[in-house]
Amino acid sequence: MIHDPAVSTKEEAMRKLMACIDSSRSGLMELILKKNGSVVPRACKDLFWDMCRVVHLFYVSNDGYTSAQQMVGYVNYVLFIPLQLPEEM
């Protein structure tokens, strides 16, 4: 985007970059959602949806990667808080 003569401001560059991302995302979603004659194997589609769920977890309320306190809380919860099982197991 830096070398594009049609872009003169940071805002224009961001808009152009977001349009490119949206276009790529739309193309990817078409490939993933296609059922008959799809070139994308089922395992890849499943991996894609699993990654969507993980990314949603991190970004549902804010930027999970730069929110260090929230990320530390998730890590502590997974590593140090014991799993609570029902009594009847």
PDB file of N, CA and C in Angstrom:
ATOM      1  N   MET A   1       0.817  -1.189   0.000  1.00  0.00           N
ATOM      2  CA  MET A   1       0.000   0.000   0.000  1.00  0.00           C
ATOM      3  C   MET A   1       0.866   1.261   0.000  1.00  0.00           C
ATOM      4  N   ILE A   2       2.075   1.152   0.523  1.00  0.00           N
ATOM      5  CA  ILE A   2       2.954   2.319   0.588  1.00  0.00           C
ATOM      6  C   ILE A   2       3.297   2.817  -0.812  1.00  0.00           C
ATOM      7  N   HIS A   3       3.454   1.899  -1.763  1.00  0.00           N
ATOM      8  CA  HIS A   3       3.894   2.271  -3.106  1.00  0.00           C
ATOM      9  C   HIS A   3       2.740   2.517  -4.066  1.00  0.00           C
ATOM     10  N   ASP A   4       1.520   2.538  -3.574  1.00  0.00           N
ATOM     11  CA  ASP A   4       0.349   2.774  -4.415  1.00  0.00           C
ATOM     12  C   ASP A   4       0.157   4.281  -4.579  1.00  0.00           C
ATOM     13  N   PRO A   5       0.283   4.801  -5.808  1.00  0.00           N
ATOM     14  CA  PRO A   5       0.124   6.249  -6.006  1.00  0.00           C
ATOM     15  C   PRO A   5      -1.304   6.741  -5.751  1.00  0.00           C
ATOM     16  N   ALA A   6      -2.280   5.829  -5.753  1.00  0.00           N
ATOM     17  CA  ALA A   6      -3.671   6.235  -5.518  1.00  0.00           C
ATOM     18  C   ALA A   6      -3.966   6.453  -4.037  1.00  0.00           C
ATOM     19  N   VAL A   7      -3.039   6.057  -3.174  1.00  0.00           N
ATOM     20  CA  VAL A   7      -3.239   6.177  -1.731  1.00  0.00           C
ATOM     21  C   VAL A   7      -2.323   7.272  -1.200  1.00  0.00           C
ATOM     22  N   SER A   8      -2.934   8.300  -0.585  1.00  0.00           N
ATOM     23  CA  SER A   8      -2.110   9.405  -0.094  1.00  0.00           C
ATOM     24  C   SER A   8      -2.184   9.586   1.417  1.00  0.00           C
ATOM     25  N   THR A   9      -3.174   8.970   2.069  1.00  0.00           N
ATOM     26  CA  THR A   9      -3.287   9.112   3.517  1.00  0.00           C
ATOM     27  C   THR A   9      -3.350   7.740   4.177  1.00  0.00           C
ATOM     28  N   LYS A  10      -3.118   7.750   5.457  1.00  0.00           N
ATOM     29  CA  LYS A  10      -3.188   6.513   6.232  1.00  0.00           C
ATOM     30  C   LYS A  10      -4.605   5.935   6.199  1.00  0.00           C
ATOM     31  N   GLU A  11      -5.606   6.807   6.281  1.00  0.00           N
ATOM     32  CA  GLU A  11      -6.999   6.363   6.263  1.00  0.00           C
ATOM     33  C   GLU A  11      -7.355   5.687   4.943  1.00  0.00           C
ATOM     34  N   GLU A  12      -6.878   6.259   3.828  1.00  0.00           N
ATOM     35  CA  GLU A  12      -7.128   5.651   2.518  1.00  0.00           C
ATOM     36  C   GLU A  12      -6.461   4.285   2.426  1.00  0.00           C
ATOM     37  N   ALA A  13      -5.257   4.195   2.933  1.00  0.00           N
ATOM     38  CA  ALA A  13      -4.543   2.916   2.922  1.00  0.00           C
ATOM     39  C   ALA A  13      -5.282   1.877   3.756  1.00  0.00           C
ATOM     40  N   MET A  14      -5.795   2.280   4.914  1.00  0.00           N
ATOM     41  CA  MET A  14      -6.548   1.357   5.764  1.00  0.00           C
ATOM     42  C   MET A  14      -7.825   0.894   5.063  1.00  0.00           C
ATOM     43  N   ARG A  15      -8.528   1.821   4.409  1.00  0.00           N
ATOM     44  CA  ARG A  15      -9.755   1.446   3.692  1.00  0.00           C
ATOM     45  C   ARG A  15      -9.449   0.462   2.563  1.00  0.00           C
ATOM     46  N   LYS A  16      -8.382   0.730   1.824  1.00  0.00           N
ATOM     47  CA  LYS A  16      -8.015  -0.141   0.710  1.00  0.00           C
ATOM     48  C   LYS A  16      -7.596  -1.521   1.222  1.00  0.00           C
ATOM     49  N   LEU A  17      -6.852  -1.551   2.290  1.00  0.00           N
ATOM     50  CA  LEU A  17      -6.419  -2.816   2.880  1.00  0.00           C
ATOM     51  C   LEU A  17      -7.612  -3.603   3.410  1.00  0.00           C
ATOM     52  N   MET A  18      -8.543  -2.937   4.079  1.00  0.00           N
ATOM     53  CA  MET A  18      -9.737  -3.615   4.590  1.00  0.00           C
ATOM     54  C   MET A  18     -10.593  -4.156   3.446  1.00  0.00           C
ATOM     55  N   ALA A  19     -10.679  -3.435   2.339  1.00  0.00           N
ATOM     56  CA  ALA A  19     -11.428  -3.920   1.178  1.00  0.00           C
ATOM     57  C   ALA A  19     -10.778  -5.179   0.613  1.00  0.00           C
ATOM     58  N   CYS A  20      -9.464  -5.200   0.577  1.00  0.00           N
ATOM     59  CA  CYS A  20      -8.733  -6.383   0.104  1.00  0.00           C
ATOM     60  C   CYS A  20      -8.979  -7.574   1.037  1.00  0.00           C
ATOM     61  N   ILE A  21      -8.941  -7.332   2.335  1.00  0.00           N
ATOM     62  CA  ILE A  21      -9.194  -8.391   3.324  1.00  0.00           C
ATOM     63  C   ILE A  21     -10.621  -8.910   3.189  1.00  0.00           C
ATOM     64  N   ASP A  22     -11.588  -8.009   3.053  1.00  0.00           N
ATOM     65  CA  ASP A  22     -12.992  -8.420   2.908  1.00  0.00           C
ATOM     66  C   ASP A  22     -13.194  -9.271   1.660  1.00  0.00           C
ATOM     67  N   SER A  23     -12.552  -8.888   0.572  1.00  0.00           N
ATOM     68  CA  SER A  23     -12.665  -9.653  -0.665  1.00  0.00           C
ATOM     69  C   SER A  23     -12.083 -11.055  -0.497  1.00  0.00           C
ATOM     70  N   SER A  24     -10.929 -11.143   0.133  1.00  0.00           N
ATOM     71  CA  SER A  24     -10.302 -12.449   0.374  1.00  0.00           C
ATOM     72  C   SER A  24     -11.152 -13.294   1.307  1.00  0.00           C
ATOM     73  N   ARG A  25     -11.710 -12.672   2.333  1.00  0.00           N
ATOM     74  CA  ARG A  25     -12.563 -13.388   3.281  1.00  0.00           C
ATOM     75  C   ARG A  25     -13.800 -13.941   2.580  1.00  0.00           C
ATOM     76  N   SER A  26     -14.395 -13.151   1.704  1.00  0.00           N
ATOM     77  CA  SER A  26     -15.576 -13.611   0.961  1.00  0.00           C
ATOM     78  C   SER A  26     -15.239 -14.811   0.085  1.00  0.00           C
ATOM     79  N   GLY A  27     -14.103 -14.754  -0.593  1.00  0.00           N
ATOM     80  CA  GLY A  27     -13.676 -15.879  -1.426  1.00  0.00           C
ATOM     81  C   GLY A  27     -13.436 -17.132  -0.608  1.00  0.00           C
ATOM     82  N   LEU A  28     -12.818 -16.976   0.551  1.00  0.00           N
ATOM     83  CA  LEU A  28     -12.566 -18.115   1.433  1.00  0.00           C
ATOM     84  C   LEU A  28     -13.877 -18.711   1.932  1.00  0.00           C
ATOM     85  N   MET A  29     -14.819 -17.860   2.322  1.00  0.00           N
ATOM     86  CA  MET A  29     -16.102 -18.359   2.807  1.00  0.00           C
ATOM     87  C   MET A  29     -16.854 -19.118   1.714  1.00  0.00           C
ATOM     88  N   GLU A  30     -16.754 -18.666   0.471  1.00  0.00           N
ATOM     89  CA  GLU A  30     -17.383 -19.399  -0.629  1.00  0.00           C
ATOM     90  C   GLU A  30     -16.803 -20.804  -0.733  1.00  0.00           C
ATOM     91  N   LEU A  31     -15.480 -20.913  -0.639  1.00  0.00           N
ATOM     92  CA  LEU A  31     -14.834 -22.226  -0.719  1.00  0.00           C
ATOM     93  C   LEU A  31     -15.229 -23.120   0.450  1.00  0.00           C
ATOM     94  N   ILE A  32     -15.297 -22.548   1.635  1.00  0.00           N
ATOM     95  CA  ILE A  32     -15.602 -23.327   2.837  1.00  0.00           C
ATOM     96  C   ILE A  32     -17.058 -23.779   2.851  1.00  0.00           C
ATOM     97  N   LEU A  33     -17.969 -22.925   2.418  1.00  0.00           N
ATOM     98  CA  LEU A  33     -19.396 -23.238   2.499  1.00  0.00           C
ATOM     99  C   LEU A  33     -19.916 -24.081   1.337  1.00  0.00           C
ATOM    100  N   LYS A  34     -19.127 -24.203   0.285  1.00  0.00           N
ATOM    101  CA  LYS A  34     -19.562 -24.992  -0.871  1.00  0.00           C
ATOM    102  C   LYS A  34     -19.637 -26.466  -0.490  1.00  0.00           C
ATOM    103  N   LYS A  35     -20.772 -27.102  -0.772  1.00  0.00           N
ATOM    104  CA  LYS A  35     -20.966 -28.497  -0.376  1.00  0.00           C
ATOM    105  C   LYS A  35     -20.661 -29.461  -1.515  1.00  0.00           C
ATOM    106  N   ASN A  36     -21.291 -29.295  -2.644  1.00  0.00           N
ATOM    107  CA  ASN A  36     -21.100 -30.216  -3.767  1.00  0.00           C
ATOM    108  C   ASN A  36     -19.973 -29.741  -4.671  1.00  0.00           C
ATOM    109  N   GLY A  37     -19.037 -30.627  -4.952  1.00  0.00           N
ATOM    110  CA  GLY A  37     -17.932 -30.284  -5.835  1.00  0.00           C
ATOM    111  C   GLY A  37     -16.889 -29.388  -5.206  1.00  0.00           C
ATOM    112  N   SER A  38     -16.808 -29.371  -3.899  1.00  0.00           N
ATOM    113  CA  SER A  38     -15.847 -28.518  -3.203  1.00  0.00           C
ATOM    114  C   SER A  38     -14.428 -29.063  -3.367  1.00  0.00           C
ATOM    115  N   VAL A  39     -13.475 -28.158  -3.568  1.00  0.00           N
ATOM    116  CA  VAL A  39     -12.074 -28.563  -3.672  1.00  0.00           C
ATOM    117  C   VAL A  39     -11.407 -28.587  -2.298  1.00  0.00           C
ATOM    118  N   VAL A  40     -12.107 -28.098  -1.278  1.00  0.00           N
ATOM    119  CA  VAL A  40     -11.559 -28.054   0.081  1.00  0.00           C
ATOM    120  C   VAL A  40     -11.980 -29.325   0.824  1.00  0.00           C
ATOM    121  N   PRO A  41     -11.008 -30.114   1.302  1.00  0.00           N
ATOM    122  CA  PRO A  41     -11.348 -31.341   2.031  1.00  0.00           C
ATOM    123  C   PRO A  41     -12.102 -31.041   3.331  1.00  0.00           C
ATOM    124  N   ARG A  42     -12.917 -31.996   3.758  1.00  0.00           N
ATOM    125  CA  ARG A  42     -13.728 -31.846   4.977  1.00  0.00           C
ATOM    126  C   ARG A  42     -12.848 -31.524   6.184  1.00  0.00           C
ATOM    127  N   ALA A  43     -11.681 -32.172   6.296  1.00  0.00           N
ATOM    128  CA  ALA A  43     -10.793 -31.924   7.438  1.00  0.00           C
ATOM    129  C   ALA A  43     -10.348 -30.459   7.479  1.00  0.00           C
ATOM    130  N   CYS A  44     -10.099 -29.868   6.327  1.00  0.00           N
ATOM    131  CA  CYS A  44      -9.701 -28.455   6.274  1.00  0.00           C
ATOM    132  C   CYS A  44     -10.857 -27.544   6.677  1.00  0.00           C
ATOM    133  N   LYS A  45     -12.060 -27.901   6.249  1.00  0.00           N
ATOM    134  CA  LYS A  45     -13.233 -27.115   6.634  1.00  0.00           C
ATOM    135  C   LYS A  45     -13.434 -27.173   8.147  1.00  0.00           C
ATOM    136  N   ASP A  46     -13.284 -28.364   8.723  1.00  0.00           N
ATOM    137  CA  ASP A  46     -13.436 -28.507  10.175  1.00  0.00           C
ATOM    138  C   ASP A  46     -12.384 -27.692  10.918  1.00  0.00           C
ATOM    139  N   LEU A  47     -11.144 -27.732  10.436  1.00  0.00           N
ATOM    140  CA  LEU A  47     -10.072 -26.948  11.054  1.00  0.00           C
ATOM    141  C   LEU A  47     -10.379 -25.457  10.965  1.00  0.00           C
ATOM    142  N   PHE A  48     -10.880 -25.023   9.825  1.00  0.00           N
ATOM    143  CA  PHE A  48     -11.248 -23.618   9.646  1.00  0.00           C
ATOM    144  C   PHE A  48     -12.286 -23.195  10.684  1.00  0.00           C
ATOM    145  N   TRP A  49     -13.341 -23.996  10.868  1.00  0.00           N
ATOM    146  CA  TRP A  49     -14.391 -23.640  11.824  1.00  0.00           C
ATOM    147  C   TRP A  49     -13.876 -23.684  13.255  1.00  0.00           C
ATOM    148  N   ASP A  50     -12.981 -24.632  13.567  1.00  0.00           N
ATOM    149  CA  ASP A  50     -12.382 -24.660  14.905  1.00  0.00           C
ATOM    150  C   ASP A  50     -11.576 -23.391  15.162  1.00  0.00           C
ATOM    151  N   MET A  51     -10.819 -22.951  14.159  1.00  0.00           N
ATOM    152  CA  MET A  51     -10.044 -21.716  14.309  1.00  0.00           C
ATOM    153  C   MET A  51     -10.969 -20.508  14.460  1.00  0.00           C
ATOM    154  N   CYS A  52     -12.085 -20.507  13.756  1.00  0.00           N
ATOM    155  CA  CYS A  52     -13.059 -19.410  13.902  1.00  0.00           C
ATOM    156  C   CYS A  52     -13.545 -19.319  15.342  1.00  0.00           C
ATOM    157  N   ARG A  53     -13.802 -20.468  15.950  1.00  0.00           N
ATOM    158  CA  ARG A  53     -14.270 -20.475  17.345  1.00  0.00           C
ATOM    159  C   ARG A  53     -13.196 -19.931  18.287  1.00  0.00           C
ATOM    160  N   VAL A  54     -11.949 -20.341  18.083  1.00  0.00           N
ATOM    161  CA  VAL A  54     -10.854 -19.878  18.944  1.00  0.00           C
ATOM    162  C   VAL A  54     -10.655 -18.375  18.788  1.00  0.00           C
ATOM    163  N   VAL A  55     -10.631 -17.904  17.561  1.00  0.00           N
ATOM    164  CA  VAL A  55     -10.439 -16.472  17.315  1.00  0.00           C
ATOM    165  C   VAL A  55     -11.595 -15.676  17.915  1.00  0.00           C
ATOM    166  N   HIS A  56     -12.805 -16.204  17.812  1.00  0.00           N
ATOM    167  CA  HIS A  56     -13.955 -15.525  18.413  1.00  0.00           C
ATOM    168  C   HIS A  56     -13.775 -15.397  19.929  1.00  0.00           C
ATOM    169  N   LEU A  57     -13.253 -16.442  20.565  1.00  0.00           N
ATOM    170  CA  LEU A  57     -12.998 -16.386  22.009  1.00  0.00           C
ATOM    171  C   LEU A  57     -12.067 -15.228  22.353  1.00  0.00           C
ATOM    172  N   PHE A  58     -10.997 -15.058  21.588  1.00  0.00           N
ATOM    173  CA  PHE A  58     -10.025 -14.014  21.883  1.00  0.00           C
ATOM    174  C   PHE A  58     -10.532 -12.612  21.550  1.00  0.00           C
ATOM    175  N   TYR A  59     -11.370 -12.496  20.531  1.00  0.00           N
ATOM    176  CA  TYR A  59     -11.769 -11.174  20.056  1.00  0.00           C
ATOM    177  C   TYR A  59     -13.219 -10.811  20.337  1.00  0.00           C
ATOM    178  N   VAL A  60     -13.961 -11.621  21.092  1.00  0.00           N
ATOM    179  CA  VAL A  60     -15.377 -11.352  21.307  1.00  0.00           C
ATOM    180  C   VAL A  60     -15.602 -10.032  22.050  1.00  0.00           C
ATOM    181  N   SER A  61     -14.766  -9.706  23.016  1.00  0.00           N
ATOM    182  CA  SER A  61     -14.981  -8.473  23.772  1.00  0.00           C
ATOM    183  C   SER A  61     -13.925  -7.407  23.502  1.00  0.00           C
ATOM    184  N   ASN A  62     -12.724  -7.827  23.189  1.00  0.00           N
ATOM    185  CA  ASN A  62     -11.649  -6.877  22.865  1.00  0.00           C
ATOM    186  C   ASN A  62     -10.529  -7.635  22.168  1.00  0.00           C
ATOM    187  N   ASP A  63      -9.405  -6.989  21.996  1.00  0.00           N
ATOM    188  CA  ASP A  63      -8.257  -7.614  21.352  1.00  0.00           C
ATOM    189  C   ASP A  63      -7.581  -8.541  22.352  1.00  0.00           C
ATOM    190  N   GLY A  64      -7.862  -9.819  22.261  1.00  0.00           N
ATOM    191  CA  GLY A  64      -7.365 -10.792  23.232  1.00  0.00           C
ATOM    192  C   GLY A  64      -5.864 -10.972  23.226  1.00  0.00           C
ATOM    193  N   TYR A  65      -5.201 -10.669  22.134  1.00  0.00           N
ATOM    194  CA  TYR A  65      -3.755 -10.851  22.090  1.00  0.00           C
ATOM    195  C   TYR A  65      -3.015  -9.720  22.796  1.00  0.00           C
ATOM    196  N   THR A  66      -3.532  -8.520  22.721  1.00  0.00           N
ATOM    197  CA  THR A  66      -2.836  -7.413  23.367  1.00  0.00           C
ATOM    198  C   THR A  66      -3.372  -7.126  24.759  1.00  0.00           C
ATOM    199  N   SER A  67      -4.479  -7.734  25.116  1.00  0.00           N
ATOM    200  CA  SER A  67      -5.012  -7.586  26.462  1.00  0.00           C
ATOM    201  C   SER A  67      -4.332  -8.621  27.357  1.00  0.00           C
ATOM    202  N   ALA A  68      -3.161  -8.278  27.843  1.00  0.00           N
ATOM    203  CA  ALA A  68      -2.330  -9.230  28.588  1.00  0.00           C
ATOM    204  C   ALA A  68      -3.024  -9.752  29.838  1.00  0.00           C
ATOM    205  N   GLN A  69      -3.691  -8.896  30.559  1.00  0.00           N
ATOM    206  CA  GLN A  69      -4.342  -9.314  31.799  1.00  0.00           C
ATOM    207  C   GLN A  69      -5.402 -10.378  31.530  1.00  0.00           C
ATOM    208  N   GLN A  70      -6.199 -10.184  30.501  1.00  0.00           N
ATOM    209  CA  GLN A  70      -7.231 -11.157  30.160  1.00  0.00           C
ATOM    210  C   GLN A  70      -6.598 -12.474  29.718  1.00  0.00           C
ATOM    211  N   MET A  71      -5.539 -12.407  28.922  1.00  0.00           N
ATOM    212  CA  MET A  71      -4.880 -13.625  28.447  1.00  0.00           C
ATOM    213  C   MET A  71      -4.254 -14.382  29.612  1.00  0.00           C
ATOM    214  N   VAL A  72      -3.637 -13.682  30.543  1.00  0.00           N
ATOM    215  CA  VAL A  72      -3.059 -14.330  31.724  1.00  0.00           C
ATOM    216  C   VAL A  72      -4.154 -15.025  32.520  1.00  0.00           C
ATOM    217  N   GLY A  73      -5.308 -14.386  32.625  1.00  0.00           N
ATOM    218  CA  GLY A  73      -6.431 -15.007  33.321  1.00  0.00           C
ATOM    219  C   GLY A  73      -6.861 -16.309  32.667  1.00  0.00           C
ATOM    220  N   TYR A  74      -6.933 -16.333  31.328  1.00  0.00           N
ATOM    221  CA  TYR A  74      -7.289 -17.561  30.615  1.00  0.00           C
ATOM    222  C   TYR A  74      -6.253 -18.650  30.863  1.00  0.00           C
ATOM    223  N   VAL A  75      -4.987 -18.290  30.776  1.00  0.00           N
ATOM    224  CA  VAL A  75      -3.914 -19.279  30.970  1.00  0.00           C
ATOM    225  C   VAL A  75      -3.947 -19.821  32.385  1.00  0.00           C
ATOM    226  N   ASN A  76      -4.077 -18.950  33.378  1.00  0.00           N
ATOM    227  CA  ASN A  76      -4.146 -19.408  34.770  1.00  0.00           C
ATOM    228  C   ASN A  76      -5.341 -20.318  34.996  1.00  0.00           C
ATOM    229  N   TYR A  77      -6.463 -19.972  34.404  1.00  0.00           N
ATOM    230  CA  TYR A  77      -7.665 -20.778  34.568  1.00  0.00           C
ATOM    231  C   TYR A  77      -7.454 -22.182  34.005  1.00  0.00           C
ATOM    232  N   VAL A  78      -6.860 -22.266  32.827  1.00  0.00           N
ATOM    233  CA  VAL A  78      -6.639 -23.569  32.188  1.00  0.00           C
ATOM    234  C   VAL A  78      -5.581 -24.385  32.920  1.00  0.00           C
ATOM    235  N   LEU A  79      -4.507 -23.745  33.366  1.00  0.00           N
ATOM    236  CA  LEU A  79      -3.385 -24.490  33.940  1.00  0.00           C
ATOM    237  C   LEU A  79      -3.500 -24.764  35.432  1.00  0.00           C
ATOM    238  N   PHE A  80      -4.075 -23.838  36.194  1.00  0.00           N
ATOM    239  CA  PHE A  80      -3.958 -23.941  37.644  1.00  0.00           C
ATOM    240  C   PHE A  80      -5.261 -24.193  38.399  1.00  0.00           C
ATOM    241  N   ILE A  81      -6.385 -23.979  37.789  1.00  0.00           N
ATOM    242  CA  ILE A  81      -7.649 -24.207  38.492  1.00  0.00           C
ATOM    243  C   ILE A  81      -8.096 -25.635  38.209  1.00  0.00           C
ATOM    244  N   PRO A  82      -8.283 -26.431  39.264  1.00  0.00           N
ATOM    245  CA  PRO A  82      -8.626 -27.838  39.044  1.00  0.00           C
ATOM    246  C   PRO A  82      -9.995 -27.995  38.387  1.00  0.00           C
ATOM    247  N   LEU A  83     -10.099 -29.034  37.611  1.00  0.00           N
ATOM    248  CA  LEU A  83     -11.346 -29.349  36.933  1.00  0.00           C
ATOM    249  C   LEU A  83     -12.358 -29.858  37.946  1.00  0.00           C
ATOM    250  N   GLN A  84     -13.544 -29.291  37.946  1.00  0.00           N
ATOM    251  CA  GLN A  84     -14.599 -29.702  38.865  1.00  0.00           C
ATOM    252  C   GLN A  84     -15.464 -30.764  38.190  1.00  0.00           C
ATOM    253  N   LEU A  85     -15.454 -31.975  38.729  1.00  0.00           N
ATOM    254  CA  LEU A  85     -16.263 -33.058  38.189  1.00  0.00           C
ATOM    255  C   LEU A  85     -17.499 -33.258  39.045  1.00  0.00           C
ATOM    256  N   PRO A  86     -18.584 -33.716  38.442  1.00  0.00           N
ATOM    257  CA  PRO A  86     -19.781 -34.012  39.238  1.00  0.00           C
ATOM    258  C   PRO A  86     -19.487 -35.104  40.262  1.00  0.00           C
ATOM    259  N   GLU A  87     -20.136 -35.040  41.395  1.00  0.00           N
ATOM    260  CA  GLU A  87     -19.906 -35.987  42.496  1.00  0.00           C
ATOM    261  C   GLU A  87     -20.236 -37.427  42.115  1.00  0.00           C
ATOM    262  N   GLU A  88     -21.188 -37.638  41.225  1.00  0.00           N
ATOM    263  CA  GLU A  88     -21.679 -38.973  40.934  1.00  0.00           C
ATOM    264  C   GLU A  88     -20.842 -39.735  39.920  1.00  0.00           C
ATOM    265  N   MET A  89     -19.724 -39.246  39.500  1.00  0.00           N
ATOM    266  CA  MET A  89     -18.920 -39.945  38.492  1.00  0.00           C
ATOM    267  C   MET A  89     -18.141 -41.052  39.098  1.00  0.00           C
TER     268      MET A  89
END
